[in-house]
């Protein structure tokens, strides 16, 4: 194992530990707005933990598959990609893949619920 120059534990482990402390030790002691803010911070930490290099690469691949966004928007608005028209199925699949990739980072339960 080679050393990357960073101290241990790694940042993701520190973030996970801090999140666990908020959820298990701090949030239960709070109520109202303070509890909401603590849970919101813990959720933001969970999202940050899911923003891995692999997740970023998957998102980049989805964006590449979509191609020119301005052209896509124009095609959608004009009806050129309506159901039954050429390109509809491929575009729908590419947009679904992007949506699912984004949800795996920001709201993974939404992807699980849709299946």
PDB file of N, CA and C in Angstrom:
ATOM      1  N   UNK A   1       0.844  -1.172   0.000  1.00  0.00           N
ATOM      2  CA  UNK A   1       0.000   0.000   0.000  1.00  0.00           C
ATOM      3  C   UNK A   1       0.887   1.232   0.000  1.00  0.00           C
ATOM      4  N   UNK A   2       0.602   2.147  -0.890  1.00  0.00           N
ATOM      5  CA  UNK A   2       1.415   3.358  -0.953  1.00  0.00           C
ATOM      6  C   UNK A   2       0.723   4.492  -0.211  1.00  0.00           C
ATOM      7  N   UNK A   3       1.506   5.430   0.256  1.00  0.00           N
ATOM      8  CA  UNK A   3       0.989   6.572   0.997  1.00  0.00           C
ATOM      9  C   UNK A   3       0.712   7.703   0.032  1.00  0.00           C
ATOM     10  N   UNK A   4      -0.447   8.331   0.123  1.00  0.00           N
ATOM     11  CA  UNK A   4      -0.805   9.417  -0.791  1.00  0.00           C
ATOM     12  C   UNK A   4      -0.494  10.788  -0.210  1.00  0.00           C
ATOM     13  N   UNK A   5       0.108  10.834   0.948  1.00  0.00           N
ATOM     14  CA  UNK A   5       0.484  12.100   1.561  1.00  0.00           C
ATOM     15  C   UNK A   5      -0.566  12.675   2.486  1.00  0.00           C
ATOM     16  N   UNK A   6      -1.756  12.098   2.486  1.00  0.00           N
ATOM     17  CA  UNK A   6      -2.829  12.586   3.349  1.00  0.00           C
ATOM     18  C   UNK A   6      -2.802  11.864   4.688  1.00  0.00           C
ATOM     19  N   UNK A   7      -3.280  12.554   5.695  1.00  0.00           N
ATOM     20  CA  UNK A   7      -3.384  11.951   7.023  1.00  0.00           C
ATOM     21  C   UNK A   7      -4.590  11.010   7.055  1.00  0.00           C
ATOM     22  N   UNK A   8      -4.551  10.063   7.972  1.00  0.00           N
ATOM     23  CA  UNK A   8      -5.662   9.147   8.161  1.00  0.00           C
ATOM     24  C   UNK A   8      -6.394   9.534   9.442  1.00  0.00           C
ATOM     25  N   UNK A   9      -7.681   9.394   9.549  1.00  0.00           N
ATOM     26  CA  UNK A   9      -8.549   8.831   8.528  1.00  0.00           C
ATOM     27  C   UNK A   9      -8.765   9.807   7.374  1.00  0.00           C
ATOM     28  N   UNK A  10      -9.137   9.240   6.255  1.00  0.00           N
ATOM     29  CA  UNK A  10      -9.368  10.026   5.052  1.00  0.00           C
ATOM     30  C   UNK A  10     -10.600  10.919   5.222  1.00  0.00           C
ATOM     31  N   UNK A  11     -10.690  11.928   4.354  1.00  0.00           N
ATOM     32  CA  UNK A  11     -11.780  12.898   4.437  1.00  0.00           C
ATOM     33  C   UNK A  11     -13.161  12.283   4.418  1.00  0.00           C
ATOM     34  N   UNK A  12     -13.363  11.252   3.590  1.00  0.00           N
ATOM     35  CA  UNK A  12     -14.692  10.642   3.549  1.00  0.00           C
ATOM     36  C   UNK A  12     -15.032   9.964   4.867  1.00  0.00           C
ATOM     37  N   UNK A  13     -14.026   9.384   5.517  1.00  0.00           N
ATOM     38  CA  UNK A  13     -14.275   8.768   6.822  1.00  0.00           C
ATOM     39  C   UNK A  13     -14.580   9.813   7.885  1.00  0.00           C
ATOM     40  N   UNK A  14     -13.868  10.951   7.824  1.00  0.00           N
ATOM     41  CA  UNK A  14     -14.142  12.038   8.763  1.00  0.00           C
ATOM     42  C   UNK A  14     -15.558  12.576   8.572  1.00  0.00           C
ATOM     43  N   UNK A  15     -15.948  12.751   7.331  1.00  0.00           N
ATOM     44  CA  UNK A  15     -17.282  13.252   7.028  1.00  0.00           C
ATOM     45  C   UNK A  15     -18.355  12.273   7.508  1.00  0.00           C
ATOM     46  N   UNK A  16     -18.135  10.989   7.279  1.00  0.00           N
ATOM     47  CA  UNK A  16     -19.087   9.975   7.734  1.00  0.00           C
ATOM     48  C   UNK A  16     -19.185   9.952   9.259  1.00  0.00           C
ATOM     49  N   UNK A  17     -18.049  10.114   9.928  1.00  0.00           N
ATOM     50  CA  UNK A  17     -18.048  10.137  11.393  1.00  0.00           C
ATOM     51  C   UNK A  17     -18.793  11.356  11.920  1.00  0.00           C
ATOM     52  N   UNK A  18     -18.533  12.516  11.317  1.00  0.00           N
ATOM     53  CA  UNK A  18     -19.223  13.734  11.736  1.00  0.00           C
ATOM     54  C   UNK A  18     -20.731  13.606  11.515  1.00  0.00           C
ATOM     55  N   UNK A  19     -21.114  13.006  10.405  1.00  0.00           N
ATOM     56  CA  UNK A  19     -22.535  12.802  10.104  1.00  0.00           C
ATOM     57  C   UNK A  19     -23.184  11.892  11.149  1.00  0.00           C
ATOM     58  N   UNK A  20     -22.483  10.818  11.478  1.00  0.00           N
ATOM     59  CA  UNK A  20     -23.001   9.885  12.474  1.00  0.00           C
ATOM     60  C   UNK A  20     -23.174  10.572  13.833  1.00  0.00           C
ATOM     61  N   UNK A  21     -22.215  11.422  14.233  1.00  0.00           N
ATOM     62  CA  UNK A  21     -22.318  12.154  15.497  1.00  0.00           C
ATOM     63  C   UNK A  21     -23.541  13.074  15.481  1.00  0.00           C
ATOM     64  N   UNK A  22     -23.756  13.767  14.365  1.00  0.00           N
ATOM     65  CA  UNK A  22     -24.932  14.641  14.269  1.00  0.00           C
ATOM     66  C   UNK A  22     -26.214  13.832  14.419  1.00  0.00           C
ATOM     67  N   UNK A  23     -26.297  12.713  13.677  1.00  0.00           N
ATOM     68  CA  UNK A  23     -27.537  11.919  13.695  1.00  0.00           C
ATOM     69  C   UNK A  23     -27.774  11.202  15.010  1.00  0.00           C
ATOM     70  N   UNK A  24     -26.707  10.654  15.607  1.00  0.00           N
ATOM     71  CA  UNK A  24     -26.881   9.813  16.790  1.00  0.00           C
ATOM     72  C   UNK A  24     -26.772  10.568  18.108  1.00  0.00           C
ATOM     73  N   UNK A  25     -25.938  11.604  18.154  1.00  0.00           N
ATOM     74  CA  UNK A  25     -25.670  12.261  19.434  1.00  0.00           C
ATOM     75  C   UNK A  25     -26.269  13.659  19.562  1.00  0.00           C
ATOM     76  N   UNK A  26     -26.318  14.391  18.465  1.00  0.00           N
ATOM     77  CA  UNK A  26     -26.752  15.783  18.550  1.00  0.00           C
ATOM     78  C   UNK A  26     -28.226  15.946  18.203  1.00  0.00           C
ATOM     79  N   UNK A  27     -28.655  15.457  17.050  1.00  0.00           N
ATOM     80  CA  UNK A  27     -30.041  15.654  16.602  1.00  0.00           C
ATOM     81  C   UNK A  27     -31.076  15.164  17.611  1.00  0.00           C
ATOM     82  N   UNK A  28     -30.859  14.016  18.263  1.00  0.00           N
ATOM     83  CA  UNK A  28     -31.872  13.563  19.228  1.00  0.00           C
ATOM     84  C   UNK A  28     -32.074  14.524  20.399  1.00  0.00           C
ATOM     85  N   UNK A  29     -31.079  15.376  20.671  1.00  0.00           N
ATOM     86  CA  UNK A  29     -31.185  16.327  21.771  1.00  0.00           C
ATOM     87  C   UNK A  29     -31.868  17.625  21.367  1.00  0.00           C
ATOM     88  N   UNK A  30     -32.098  17.787  20.085  1.00  0.00           N
ATOM     89  CA  UNK A  30     -32.652  19.033  19.567  1.00  0.00           C
ATOM     90  C   UNK A  30     -34.127  18.878  19.226  1.00  0.00           C
ATOM     91  N   UNK A  31     -34.774  20.016  19.036  1.00  0.00           N
ATOM     92  CA  UNK A  31     -36.164  19.994  18.577  1.00  0.00           C
ATOM     93  C   UNK A  31     -36.380  21.186  17.658  1.00  0.00           C
ATOM     94  N   UNK A  32     -37.507  21.155  16.974  1.00  0.00           N
ATOM     95  CA  UNK A  32     -37.897  22.274  16.133  1.00  0.00           C
ATOM     96  C   UNK A  32     -36.896  22.595  15.040  1.00  0.00           C
ATOM     97  N   UNK A  33     -36.673  23.891  14.866  1.00  0.00           N
ATOM     98  CA  UNK A  33     -35.814  24.381  13.791  1.00  0.00           C
ATOM     99  C   UNK A  33     -34.376  23.893  13.934  1.00  0.00           C
ATOM    100  N   UNK A  34     -33.876  23.810  15.156  1.00  0.00           N
ATOM    101  CA  UNK A  34     -32.498  23.355  15.368  1.00  0.00           C
ATOM    102  C   UNK A  34     -32.336  21.903  14.926  1.00  0.00           C
ATOM    103  N   UNK A  35     -33.324  21.060  15.229  1.00  0.00           N
ATOM    104  CA  UNK A  35     -33.270  19.657  14.799  1.00  0.00           C
ATOM    105  C   UNK A  35     -33.340  19.571  13.279  1.00  0.00           C
ATOM    106  N   UNK A  36     -34.230  20.342  12.677  1.00  0.00           N
ATOM    107  CA  UNK A  36     -34.343  20.362  11.217  1.00  0.00           C
ATOM    108  C   UNK A  36     -33.001  20.733  10.584  1.00  0.00           C
ATOM    109  N   UNK A  37     -32.354  21.766  11.099  1.00  0.00           N
ATOM    110  CA  UNK A  37     -31.069  22.205  10.548  1.00  0.00           C
ATOM    111  C   UNK A  37     -29.984  21.145  10.731  1.00  0.00           C
ATOM    112  N   UNK A  38     -29.978  20.459  11.854  1.00  0.00           N
ATOM    113  CA  UNK A  38     -28.995  19.388  12.071  1.00  0.00           C
ATOM    114  C   UNK A  38     -29.214  18.249  11.082  1.00  0.00           C
ATOM    115  N   UNK A  39     -30.475  17.870  10.878  1.00  0.00           N
ATOM    116  CA  UNK A  39     -30.781  16.795   9.925  1.00  0.00           C
ATOM    117  C   UNK A  39     -30.470  17.223   8.495  1.00  0.00           C
ATOM    118  N   UNK A  40     -30.697  18.492   8.174  1.00  0.00           N
ATOM    119  CA  UNK A  40     -30.358  19.006   6.858  1.00  0.00           C
ATOM    120  C   UNK A  40     -28.845  18.946   6.635  1.00  0.00           C
ATOM    121  N   UNK A  41     -28.071  19.300   7.652  1.00  0.00           N
ATOM    122  CA  UNK A  41     -26.616  19.222   7.540  1.00  0.00           C
ATOM    123  C   UNK A  41     -26.162  17.773   7.360  1.00  0.00           C
ATOM    124  N   UNK A  42     -26.773  16.860   8.072  1.00  0.00           N
ATOM    125  CA  UNK A  42     -26.431  15.439   7.940  1.00  0.00           C
ATOM    126  C   UNK A  42     -26.771  14.941   6.541  1.00  0.00           C
ATOM    127  N   UNK A  43     -27.876  15.397   5.984  1.00  0.00           N
ATOM    128  CA  UNK A  43     -28.251  15.010   4.628  1.00  0.00           C
ATOM    129  C   UNK A  43     -27.243  15.548   3.616  1.00  0.00           C
ATOM    130  N   UNK A  44     -26.818  16.796   3.798  1.00  0.00           N
ATOM    131  CA  UNK A  44     -25.807  17.379   2.905  1.00  0.00           C
ATOM    132  C   UNK A  44     -24.509  16.572   2.970  1.00  0.00           C
ATOM    133  N   UNK A  45     -24.158  16.111   4.149  1.00  0.00           N
ATOM    134  CA  UNK A  45     -22.954  15.286   4.305  1.00  0.00           C
ATOM    135  C   UNK A  45     -23.107  13.962   3.554  1.00  0.00           C
ATOM    136  N   UNK A  46     -24.298  13.375   3.616  1.00  0.00           N
ATOM    137  CA  UNK A  46     -24.540  12.112   2.906  1.00  0.00           C
ATOM    138  C   UNK A  46     -24.405  12.312   1.396  1.00  0.00           C
ATOM    139  N   UNK A  47     -24.920  13.418   0.893  1.00  0.00           N
ATOM    140  CA  UNK A  47     -24.792  13.713  -0.537  1.00  0.00           C
ATOM    141  C   UNK A  47     -23.327  13.869  -0.897  1.00  0.00           C
ATOM    142  N   UNK A  48     -22.585  14.615  -0.090  1.00  0.00           N
ATOM    143  CA  UNK A  48     -21.152  14.811  -0.354  1.00  0.00           C
ATOM    144  C   UNK A  48     -20.408  13.476  -0.369  1.00  0.00           C
ATOM    145  N   UNK A  49     -20.785  12.566   0.500  1.00  0.00           N
ATOM    146  CA  UNK A  49     -20.144  11.240   0.529  1.00  0.00           C
ATOM    147  C   UNK A  49     -20.449  10.431  -0.729  1.00  0.00           C
ATOM    148  N   UNK A  50     -21.598  10.676  -1.344  1.00  0.00           N
ATOM    149  CA  UNK A  50     -21.953   9.943  -2.562  1.00  0.00           C
ATOM    150  C   UNK A  50     -21.374  10.575  -3.822  1.00  0.00           C
ATOM    151  N   UNK A  51     -20.808  11.769  -3.718  1.00  0.00           N
ATOM    152  CA  UNK A  51     -20.196  12.438  -4.868  1.00  0.00           C
ATOM    153  C   UNK A  51     -18.787  11.905  -5.085  1.00  0.00           C
ATOM    154  N   UNK A  52     -18.718  10.655  -5.448  1.00  0.00           N
ATOM    155  CA  UNK A  52     -17.442   9.968  -5.651  1.00  0.00           C
ATOM    156  C   UNK A  52     -16.928  10.205  -7.074  1.00  0.00           C
ATOM    157  N   UNK A  53     -15.666   9.907  -7.305  1.00  0.00           N
ATOM    158  CA  UNK A  53     -15.158   9.994  -8.687  1.00  0.00           C
ATOM    159  C   UNK A  53     -15.973   9.134  -9.657  1.00  0.00           C
ATOM    160  N   UNK A  54     -16.406   7.962  -9.225  1.00  0.00           N
ATOM    161  CA  UNK A  54     -17.224   7.106 -10.096  1.00  0.00           C
ATOM    162  C   UNK A  54     -18.566   7.758 -10.415  1.00  0.00           C
ATOM    163  N   UNK A  55     -19.183   8.388  -9.417  1.00  0.00           N
ATOM    164  CA  UNK A  55     -20.465   9.062  -9.651  1.00  0.00           C
ATOM    165  C   UNK A  55     -20.280  10.236 -10.607  1.00  0.00           C
ATOM    166  N   UNK A  56     -19.202  10.978 -10.438  1.00  0.00           N
ATOM    167  CA  UNK A  56     -18.932  12.102 -11.340  1.00  0.00           C
ATOM    168  C   UNK A  56     -18.676  11.611 -12.761  1.00  0.00           C
ATOM    169  N   UNK A  57     -17.966  10.494 -12.889  1.00  0.00           N
ATOM    170  CA  UNK A  57     -17.705   9.933 -14.223  1.00  0.00           C
ATOM    171  C   UNK A  57     -19.000   9.467 -14.876  1.00  0.00           C
ATOM    172  N   UNK A  58     -19.882   8.854 -14.088  1.00  0.00           N
ATOM    173  CA  UNK A  58     -21.168   8.414 -14.636  1.00  0.00           C
ATOM    174  C   UNK A  58     -21.979   9.615 -15.117  1.00  0.00           C
ATOM    175  N   UNK A  59     -22.010  10.679 -14.332  1.00  0.00           N
ATOM    176  CA  UNK A  59     -22.740  11.881 -14.737  1.00  0.00           C
ATOM    177  C   UNK A  59     -22.146  12.483 -16.005  1.00  0.00           C
ATOM    178  N   UNK A  60     -20.825  12.526 -16.074  1.00  0.00           N
ATOM    179  CA  UNK A  60     -20.163  13.069 -17.265  1.00  0.00           C
ATOM    180  C   UNK A  60     -20.510  12.248 -18.495  1.00  0.00           C
ATOM    181  N   UNK A  61     -20.555  10.923 -18.349  1.00  0.00           N
ATOM    182  CA  UNK A  61     -20.909  10.059 -19.477  1.00  0.00           C
ATOM    183  C   UNK A  61     -22.354  10.305 -19.915  1.00  0.00           C
ATOM    184  N   UNK A  62     -23.239  10.508 -18.955  1.00  0.00           N
ATOM    185  CA  UNK A  62     -24.644  10.793 -19.290  1.00  0.00           C
ATOM    186  C   UNK A  62     -24.770  12.114 -20.033  1.00  0.00           C
ATOM    187  N   UNK A  63     -24.054  13.121 -19.576  1.00  0.00           N
ATOM    188  CA  UNK A  63     -24.095  14.431 -20.237  1.00  0.00           C
ATOM    189  C   UNK A  63     -23.539  14.324 -21.649  1.00  0.00           C
ATOM    190  N   UNK A  64     -22.462  13.562 -21.805  1.00  0.00           N
ATOM    191  CA  UNK A  64     -21.878  13.348 -23.132  1.00  0.00           C
ATOM    192  C   UNK A  64     -22.879  12.652 -24.045  1.00  0.00           C
ATOM    193  N   UNK A  65     -23.595  11.673 -23.514  1.00  0.00           N
ATOM    194  CA  UNK A  65     -24.584  10.945 -24.318  1.00  0.00           C
ATOM    195  C   UNK A  65     -25.715  11.862 -24.783  1.00  0.00           C
ATOM    196  N   UNK A  66     -26.057  12.841 -23.959  1.00  0.00           N
ATOM    197  CA  UNK A  66     -27.119  13.777 -24.329  1.00  0.00           C
ATOM    198  C   UNK A  66     -26.640  14.720 -25.424  1.00  0.00           C
ATOM    199  N   UNK A  67     -25.391  15.122 -25.352  1.00  0.00           N
ATOM    200  CA  UNK A  67     -24.832  15.994 -26.386  1.00  0.00           C
ATOM    201  C   UNK A  67     -25.207  17.441 -26.203  1.00  0.00           C
ATOM    202  N   UNK A  68     -25.516  18.109 -27.294  1.00  0.00           N
ATOM    203  CA  UNK A  68     -25.816  19.537 -27.316  1.00  0.00           C
ATOM    204  C   UNK A  68     -27.148  19.804 -26.607  1.00  0.00           C
ATOM    205  N   UNK A  69     -27.078  20.359 -25.421  1.00  0.00           N
ATOM    206  CA  UNK A  69     -28.287  20.582 -24.628  1.00  0.00           C
ATOM    207  C   UNK A  69     -29.210  21.608 -25.283  1.00  0.00           C
ATOM    208  N   UNK A  70     -28.649  22.681 -25.810  1.00  0.00           N
ATOM    209  CA  UNK A  70     -29.486  23.703 -26.457  1.00  0.00           C
ATOM    210  C   UNK A  70     -30.227  23.105 -27.655  1.00  0.00           C
ATOM    211  N   UNK A  71     -29.548  22.267 -28.421  1.00  0.00           N
ATOM    212  CA  UNK A  71     -30.193  21.606 -29.551  1.00  0.00           C
ATOM    213  C   UNK A  71     -31.264  20.632 -29.094  1.00  0.00           C
ATOM    214  N   UNK A  72     -30.976  19.921 -28.007  1.00  0.00           N
ATOM    215  CA  UNK A  72     -31.952  18.984 -27.456  1.00  0.00           C
ATOM    216  C   UNK A  72     -33.208  19.728 -27.008  1.00  0.00           C
ATOM    217  N   UNK A  73     -33.020  20.826 -26.304  1.00  0.00           N
ATOM    218  CA  UNK A  73     -34.159  21.624 -25.836  1.00  0.00           C
ATOM    219  C   UNK A  73     -34.992  22.103 -27.031  1.00  0.00           C
ATOM    220  N   UNK A  74     -34.313  22.588 -28.043  1.00  0.00           N
ATOM    221  CA  UNK A  74     -35.031  23.064 -29.246  1.00  0.00           C
ATOM    222  C   UNK A  74     -35.805  21.933 -29.903  1.00  0.00           C
ATOM    223  N   UNK A  75     -35.191  20.742 -29.980  1.00  0.00           N
ATOM    224  CA  UNK A  75     -35.871  19.591 -30.582  1.00  0.00           C
ATOM    225  C   UNK A  75     -37.094  19.177 -29.766  1.00  0.00           C
ATOM    226  N   UNK A  76     -36.953  19.206 -28.439  1.00  0.00           N
ATOM    227  CA  UNK A  76     -38.083  18.845 -27.583  1.00  0.00           C
ATOM    228  C   UNK A  76     -39.210  19.860 -27.749  1.00  0.00           C
ATOM    229  N   UNK A  77     -38.862  21.123 -27.712  1.00  0.00           N
ATOM    230  CA  UNK A  77     -39.884  22.175 -27.834  1.00  0.00           C
ATOM    231  C   UNK A  77     -40.596  22.138 -29.184  1.00  0.00           C
ATOM    232  N   UNK A  78     -39.860  21.780 -30.228  1.00  0.00           N
ATOM    233  CA  UNK A  78     -40.470  21.757 -31.567  1.00  0.00           C
ATOM    234  C   UNK A  78     -41.302  20.507 -31.808  1.00  0.00           C
ATOM    235  N   UNK A  79     -41.179  19.524 -30.920  1.00  0.00           N
ATOM    236  CA  UNK A  79     -41.908  18.270 -31.102  1.00  0.00           C
ATOM    237  C   UNK A  79     -41.149  17.248 -31.916  1.00  0.00           C
ATOM    238  N   UNK A  80     -39.911  17.567 -32.290  1.00  0.00           N
ATOM    239  CA  UNK A  80     -39.125  16.650 -33.119  1.00  0.00           C
ATOM    240  C   UNK A  80     -38.810  15.342 -32.413  1.00  0.00           C
ATOM    241  N   UNK A  81     -38.910  15.321 -31.091  1.00  0.00           N
ATOM    242  CA  UNK A  81     -38.599  14.106 -30.340  1.00  0.00           C
ATOM    243  C   UNK A  81     -39.816  13.547 -29.618  1.00  0.00           C
ATOM    244  N   UNK A  82     -40.983  13.904 -30.083  1.00  0.00           N
ATOM    245  CA  UNK A  82     -42.206  13.368 -29.490  1.00  0.00           C
ATOM    246  C   UNK A  82     -42.253  11.847 -29.653  1.00  0.00           C
ATOM    247  N   UNK A  83     -43.034  11.162 -28.798  1.00  0.00           N
ATOM    248  CA  UNK A  83     -43.155   9.712 -28.926  1.00  0.00           C
ATOM    249  C   UNK A  83     -43.512   9.303 -30.352  1.00  0.00           C
ATOM    250  N   UNK A  84     -42.828   8.266 -30.812  1.00  0.00           N
ATOM    251  CA  UNK A  84     -43.053   7.746 -32.152  1.00  0.00           C
ATOM    252  C   UNK A  84     -42.161   8.365 -33.210  1.00  0.00           C
ATOM    253  N   UNK A  85     -41.477   9.433 -32.857  1.00  0.00           N
ATOM    254  CA  UNK A  85     -40.597  10.079 -33.829  1.00  0.00           C
ATOM    255  C   UNK A  85     -39.173   9.560 -33.666  1.00  0.00           C
ATOM    256  N   UNK A  86     -38.396   9.612 -34.751  1.00  0.00           N
ATOM    257  CA  UNK A  86     -37.006   9.137 -34.664  1.00  0.00           C
ATOM    258  C   UNK A  86     -36.243   9.890 -33.569  1.00  0.00           C
ATOM    259  N   UNK A  87     -35.499   9.154 -32.806  1.00  0.00           N
ATOM    260  CA  UNK A  87     -34.696   9.756 -31.756  1.00  0.00           C
ATOM    261  C   UNK A  87     -35.377   9.834 -30.407  1.00  0.00           C
ATOM    262  N   UNK A  88     -36.702   9.638 -30.378  1.00  0.00           N
ATOM    263  CA  UNK A  88     -37.420   9.737 -29.109  1.00  0.00           C
ATOM    264  C   UNK A  88     -36.912   8.726 -28.084  1.00  0.00           C
ATOM    265  N   UNK A  89     -36.863   7.465 -28.475  1.00  0.00           N
ATOM    266  CA  UNK A  89     -36.493   6.413 -27.522  1.00  0.00           C
ATOM    267  C   UNK A  89     -35.080   6.614 -26.995  1.00  0.00           C
ATOM    268  N   UNK A  90     -34.143   6.942 -27.871  1.00  0.00           N
ATOM    269  CA  UNK A  90     -32.755   7.146 -27.441  1.00  0.00           C
ATOM    270  C   UNK A  90     -32.647   8.359 -26.513  1.00  0.00           C
ATOM    271  N   UNK A  91     -33.365   9.415 -26.849  1.00  0.00           N
ATOM    272  CA  UNK A  91     -33.330  10.615 -26.010  1.00  0.00           C
ATOM    273  C   UNK A  91     -33.961  10.345 -24.655  1.00  0.00           C
ATOM    274  N   UNK A  92     -35.090   9.672 -24.647  1.00  0.00           N
ATOM    275  CA  UNK A  92     -35.755   9.338 -23.382  1.00  0.00           C
ATOM    276  C   UNK A  92     -34.847   8.476 -22.514  1.00  0.00           C
ATOM    277  N   UNK A  93     -34.167   7.511 -23.114  1.00  0.00           N
ATOM    278  CA  UNK A  93     -33.255   6.646 -22.362  1.00  0.00           C
ATOM    279  C   UNK A  93     -32.082   7.445 -21.801  1.00  0.00           C
ATOM    280  N   UNK A  94     -31.540   8.371 -22.600  1.00  0.00           N
ATOM    281  CA  UNK A  94     -30.408   9.186 -22.143  1.00  0.00           C
ATOM    282  C   UNK A  94     -30.827  10.107 -20.997  1.00  0.00           C
ATOM    283  N   UNK A  95     -32.005  10.699 -21.089  1.00  0.00           N
ATOM    284  CA  UNK A  95     -32.487  11.579 -20.027  1.00  0.00           C
ATOM    285  C   UNK A  95     -32.813  10.796 -18.752  1.00  0.00           C
ATOM    286  N   UNK A  96     -33.366   9.604 -18.916  1.00  0.00           N
ATOM    287  CA  UNK A  96     -33.637   8.759 -17.755  1.00  0.00           C
ATOM    288  C   UNK A  96     -32.336   8.345 -17.074  1.00  0.00           C
ATOM    289  N   UNK A  97     -31.329   7.990 -17.871  1.00  0.00           N
ATOM    290  CA  UNK A  97     -30.030   7.608 -17.301  1.00  0.00           C
ATOM    291  C   UNK A  97     -29.418   8.771 -16.524  1.00  0.00           C
ATOM    292  N   UNK A  98     -29.508   9.981 -17.062  1.00  0.00           N
ATOM    293  CA  UNK A  98     -28.984  11.159 -16.365  1.00  0.00           C
ATOM    294  C   UNK A  98     -29.750  11.400 -15.070  1.00  0.00           C
ATOM    295  N   UNK A  99     -31.059  11.312 -15.133  1.00  0.00           N
ATOM    296  CA  UNK A  99     -31.889  11.534 -13.946  1.00  0.00           C
ATOM    297  C   UNK A  99     -31.563  10.522 -12.859  1.00  0.00           C
ATOM    298  N   UNK A 100     -31.438   9.261 -13.235  1.00  0.00           N
ATOM    299  CA  UNK A 100     -31.122   8.229 -12.249  1.00  0.00           C
ATOM    300  C   UNK A 100     -29.725   8.419 -11.677  1.00  0.00           C
ATOM    301  N   UNK A 101     -28.758   8.798 -12.508  1.00  0.00           N
ATOM    302  CA  UNK A 101     -27.398   9.036 -12.017  1.00  0.00           C
ATOM    303  C   UNK A 101     -27.379  10.191 -11.021  1.00  0.00           C
ATOM    304  N   UNK A 102     -28.118  11.250 -11.326  1.00  0.00           N
ATOM    305  CA  UNK A 102     -28.183  12.387 -10.407  1.00  0.00           C
ATOM    306  C   UNK A 102     -28.885  11.990  -9.112  1.00  0.00           C
ATOM    307  N   UNK A 103     -29.944  11.213  -9.222  1.00  0.00           N
ATOM    308  CA  UNK A 103     -30.670  10.787  -8.026  1.00  0.00           C
ATOM    309  C   UNK A 103     -29.843   9.852  -7.151  1.00  0.00           C
ATOM    310  N   UNK A 104     -28.992   9.041  -7.761  1.00  0.00           N
ATOM    311  CA  UNK A 104     -28.139   8.160  -6.952  1.00  0.00           C
ATOM    312  C   UNK A 104     -27.235   8.980  -6.042  1.00  0.00           C
ATOM    313  N   UNK A 105     -26.912  10.202  -6.420  1.00  0.00           N
ATOM    314  CA  UNK A 105     -26.100  11.084  -5.585  1.00  0.00           C
ATOM    315  C   UNK A 105     -26.979  11.857  -4.610  1.00  0.00           C
ATOM    316  N   UNK A 106     -28.014  12.512  -5.103  1.00  0.00           N
ATOM    317  CA  UNK A 106     -28.777  13.435  -4.264  1.00  0.00           C
ATOM    318  C   UNK A 106     -29.979  12.818  -3.556  1.00  0.00           C
ATOM    319  N   UNK A 107     -30.575  11.788  -4.120  1.00  0.00           N
ATOM    320  CA  UNK A 107     -31.787  11.205  -3.535  1.00  0.00           C
ATOM    321  C   UNK A 107     -31.906   9.726  -3.915  1.00  0.00           C
ATOM    322  N   UNK A 108     -31.011   8.870  -3.398  1.00  0.00           N
ATOM    323  CA  UNK A 108     -30.998   7.463  -3.822  1.00  0.00           C
ATOM    324  C   UNK A 108     -32.301   6.709  -3.564  1.00  0.00           C
ATOM    325  N   UNK A 109     -33.070   7.120  -2.572  1.00  0.00           N
ATOM    326  CA  UNK A 109     -34.342   6.444  -2.321  1.00  0.00           C
ATOM    327  C   UNK A 109     -35.315   6.648  -3.472  1.00  0.00           C
ATOM    328  N   UNK A 110     -35.192   7.750  -4.191  1.00  0.00           N
ATOM    329  CA  UNK A 110     -36.068   8.009  -5.333  1.00  0.00           C
ATOM    330  C   UNK A 110     -35.821   7.004  -6.431  1.00  0.00           C
ATOM    331  N   UNK A 111     -34.576   6.600  -6.633  1.00  0.00           N
ATOM    332  CA  UNK A 111     -34.254   5.606  -7.665  1.00  0.00           C
ATOM    333  C   UNK A 111     -34.770   4.247  -7.248  1.00  0.00           C
ATOM    334  N   UNK A 112     -34.610   3.920  -5.975  1.00  0.00           N
ATOM    335  CA  UNK A 112     -35.088   2.625  -5.470  1.00  0.00           C
ATOM    336  C   UNK A 112     -36.608   2.548  -5.560  1.00  0.00           C
ATOM    337  N   UNK A 113     -37.291   3.640  -5.282  1.00  0.00           N
ATOM    338  CA  UNK A 113     -38.752   3.656  -5.313  1.00  0.00           C
ATOM    339  C   UNK A 113     -39.307   3.530  -6.719  1.00  0.00           C
ATOM    340  N   UNK A 114     -38.517   3.968  -7.712  1.00  0.00           N
ATOM    341  CA  UNK A 114     -39.020   3.929  -9.087  1.00  0.00           C
ATOM    342  C   UNK A 114     -38.876   2.549  -9.721  1.00  0.00           C
ATOM    343  N   UNK A 115     -38.241   1.662  -9.069  1.00  0.00           N
ATOM    344  CA  UNK A 115     -38.024   0.314  -9.631  1.00  0.00           C
ATOM    345  C   UNK A 115     -38.944  -0.694  -9.020  1.00  0.00           C
TER     346      UNK A 115
END
